[in-house]
Amino acid sequence: MNINTIRAWLGHVSLDTTNVYAETDLDMKAKALGMYEQNQPTGRKRWRDNPDLLTFLA
């Protein structure tokens, strides 16, 4: 993600302010990923299994 886009989303005037929030290390990344749970409904049909959709997209 472009840091300037993040700056705009947060409403910061300066990239220096945004950089305070954007700095991270590998331990922080590992902790964040460890807290993430992927919740996908079971039995969900994949779009590749839908020939009508593939025809429409083609």
N, C-alpha and C. Protein backbone atom coordinates (compact mmCIF):
# COMPACT_ATOMS: atom_id res chain seq x y z
N MET A 1 0.85 -1.17 0.00
CA MET A 1 0.00 0.00 0.00
C MET A 1 0.89 1.22 0.00
N ASN A 2 0.53 2.17 -0.80
CA ASN A 2 1.27 3.43 -0.88
C ASN A 2 1.09 4.21 0.42
N ILE A 3 2.18 4.64 1.03
CA ILE A 3 2.13 5.35 2.31
C ILE A 3 1.36 6.67 2.18
N ASN A 4 1.40 7.28 1.00
CA ASN A 4 0.68 8.53 0.79
C ASN A 4 -0.84 8.30 0.81
N THR A 5 -1.27 7.13 0.34
CA THR A 5 -2.69 6.78 0.40
C THR A 5 -3.12 6.61 1.85
N ILE A 6 -2.31 5.94 2.63
CA ILE A 6 -2.60 5.77 4.06
C ILE A 6 -2.66 7.12 4.74
N ARG A 7 -1.72 8.01 4.40
CA ARG A 7 -1.71 9.37 4.97
C ARG A 7 -3.03 10.07 4.70
N ALA A 8 -3.53 9.96 3.47
CA ALA A 8 -4.79 10.60 3.10
C ALA A 8 -5.96 9.99 3.87
N TRP A 9 -5.99 8.67 3.99
CA TRP A 9 -7.08 8.01 4.73
C TRP A 9 -7.12 8.45 6.18
N LEU A 10 -5.94 8.60 6.78
CA LEU A 10 -5.88 8.99 8.19
C LEU A 10 -6.06 10.49 8.39
N GLY A 11 -6.02 11.25 7.30
CA GLY A 11 -6.20 12.70 7.39
C GLY A 11 -4.96 13.44 7.88
N HIS A 12 -3.80 12.83 7.72
CA HIS A 12 -2.56 13.47 8.14
C HIS A 12 -2.08 14.46 7.08
N VAL A 13 -1.50 15.55 7.53
CA VAL A 13 -0.93 16.54 6.61
C VAL A 13 0.48 16.11 6.21
N SER A 14 1.18 15.50 7.14
CA SER A 14 2.58 15.15 6.92
C SER A 14 2.78 13.64 6.91
N LEU A 15 3.67 13.19 6.02
CA LEU A 15 4.03 11.76 6.01
C LEU A 15 4.78 11.37 7.27
N ASP A 16 5.44 12.32 7.92
CA ASP A 16 6.15 12.02 9.16
C ASP A 16 5.19 11.49 10.23
N THR A 17 4.00 12.08 10.27
CA THR A 17 3.00 11.62 11.23
C THR A 17 2.54 10.22 10.89
N THR A 18 2.31 9.95 9.62
CA THR A 18 1.84 8.64 9.18
C THR A 18 2.90 7.58 9.44
N ASN A 19 4.15 7.92 9.26
CA ASN A 19 5.23 6.95 9.46
C ASN A 19 5.28 6.43 10.89
N VAL A 20 4.81 7.20 11.86
CA VAL A 20 4.76 6.74 13.24
C VAL A 20 3.89 5.50 13.34
N TYR A 21 2.79 5.48 12.59
CA TYR A 21 1.85 4.36 12.63
C TYR A 21 2.28 3.23 11.68
N ALA A 22 3.04 3.55 10.67
CA ALA A 22 3.36 2.58 9.63
C ALA A 22 4.59 1.73 9.96
N GLU A 23 5.40 2.15 10.92
CA GLU A 23 6.60 1.39 11.25
C GLU A 23 6.23 0.14 12.04
N THR A 24 6.82 -0.96 11.65
CA THR A 24 6.57 -2.23 12.33
C THR A 24 7.81 -3.11 12.20
N ASP A 25 7.84 -4.17 12.94
CA ASP A 25 8.94 -5.12 12.80
C ASP A 25 8.34 -6.52 12.61
N LEU A 26 9.20 -7.50 12.42
CA LEU A 26 8.72 -8.86 12.14
C LEU A 26 7.92 -9.44 13.29
N ASP A 27 8.28 -9.10 14.53
CA ASP A 27 7.52 -9.61 15.68
C ASP A 27 6.09 -9.08 15.68
N MET A 28 5.93 -7.78 15.37
CA MET A 28 4.59 -7.19 15.31
C MET A 28 3.76 -7.84 14.21
N LYS A 29 4.39 -8.07 13.06
CA LYS A 29 3.69 -8.71 11.94
C LYS A 29 3.26 -10.12 12.31
N ALA A 30 4.15 -10.88 12.96
CA ALA A 30 3.83 -12.25 13.36
C ALA A 30 2.68 -12.27 14.36
N LYS A 31 2.67 -11.35 15.32
CA LYS A 31 1.58 -11.28 16.30
C LYS A 31 0.25 -10.95 15.61
N ALA A 32 0.29 -9.99 14.69
CA ALA A 32 -0.94 -9.60 13.99
C ALA A 32 -1.48 -10.76 13.17
N LEU A 33 -0.61 -11.47 12.46
CA LEU A 33 -1.05 -12.61 11.67
C LEU A 33 -1.54 -13.75 12.55
N GLY A 34 -0.94 -13.90 13.73
CA GLY A 34 -1.35 -14.94 14.66
C GLY A 34 -2.75 -14.70 15.23
N MET A 35 -3.18 -13.44 15.29
CA MET A 35 -4.50 -13.12 15.82
C MET A 35 -5.58 -13.23 14.74
N TYR A 36 -5.19 -13.32 13.49
CA TYR A 36 -6.13 -13.37 12.38
C TYR A 36 -6.69 -14.77 12.22
N GLU A 37 -8.00 -14.87 12.14
CA GLU A 37 -8.65 -16.14 11.85
C GLU A 37 -9.37 -16.02 10.52
N GLN A 38 -9.17 -16.98 9.68
CA GLN A 38 -9.84 -16.96 8.39
C GLN A 38 -11.17 -17.70 8.54
N ASN A 39 -12.25 -16.96 8.46
CA ASN A 39 -13.58 -17.53 8.61
C ASN A 39 -14.28 -17.57 7.26
N GLN A 40 -14.19 -18.68 6.60
CA GLN A 40 -14.87 -18.85 5.33
C GLN A 40 -15.98 -19.87 5.51
N PRO A 41 -17.16 -19.56 4.98
CA PRO A 41 -18.25 -20.52 5.09
C PRO A 41 -17.88 -21.83 4.40
N THR A 42 -18.24 -22.93 5.02
CA THR A 42 -17.98 -24.22 4.41
C THR A 42 -19.02 -24.50 3.34
N GLY A 43 -18.66 -25.24 2.36
CA GLY A 43 -19.57 -25.58 1.29
C GLY A 43 -19.77 -24.46 0.28
N ARG A 44 -18.96 -23.43 0.39
CA ARG A 44 -19.07 -22.30 -0.52
C ARG A 44 -18.56 -22.71 -1.90
N LYS A 45 -19.32 -22.39 -2.92
CA LYS A 45 -18.96 -22.78 -4.27
C LYS A 45 -17.96 -21.78 -4.85
N ARG A 46 -16.92 -22.28 -5.41
CA ARG A 46 -15.91 -21.43 -6.01
C ARG A 46 -16.39 -20.90 -7.35
N TRP A 47 -15.97 -19.70 -7.71
CA TRP A 47 -16.41 -19.11 -8.96
C TRP A 47 -15.91 -19.91 -10.16
N ARG A 48 -14.81 -20.61 -10.02
CA ARG A 48 -14.29 -21.39 -11.15
C ARG A 48 -15.19 -22.58 -11.47
N ASP A 49 -16.04 -22.95 -10.52
CA ASP A 49 -16.94 -24.07 -10.72
C ASP A 49 -18.27 -23.64 -11.36
N ASN A 50 -18.37 -22.37 -11.74
CA ASN A 50 -19.61 -21.85 -12.29
C ASN A 50 -19.42 -21.55 -13.78
N PRO A 51 -19.79 -22.51 -14.69
CA PRO A 51 -19.56 -22.30 -16.12
C PRO A 51 -20.31 -21.10 -16.68
N ASP A 52 -21.50 -20.79 -16.15
CA ASP A 52 -22.24 -19.63 -16.65
C ASP A 52 -21.48 -18.33 -16.37
N LEU A 53 -20.90 -18.24 -15.20
CA LEU A 53 -20.13 -17.06 -14.86
C LEU A 53 -18.88 -16.96 -15.74
N LEU A 54 -18.22 -18.07 -15.96
CA LEU A 54 -17.03 -18.06 -16.81
C LEU A 54 -17.37 -17.66 -18.24
N THR A 55 -18.51 -18.11 -18.75
CA THR A 55 -18.95 -17.72 -20.08
C THR A 55 -19.24 -16.22 -20.12
N PHE A 56 -19.92 -15.72 -19.11
CA PHE A 56 -20.24 -14.30 -19.03
C PHE A 56 -18.95 -13.46 -19.00
N LEU A 57 -17.98 -13.89 -18.20
CA LEU A 57 -16.73 -13.15 -18.08
C LEU A 57 -15.90 -13.19 -19.36
N ALA A 58 -16.01 -14.30 -20.10
CA ALA A 58 -15.26 -14.42 -21.35
C ALA A 58 -15.82 -13.45 -22.37
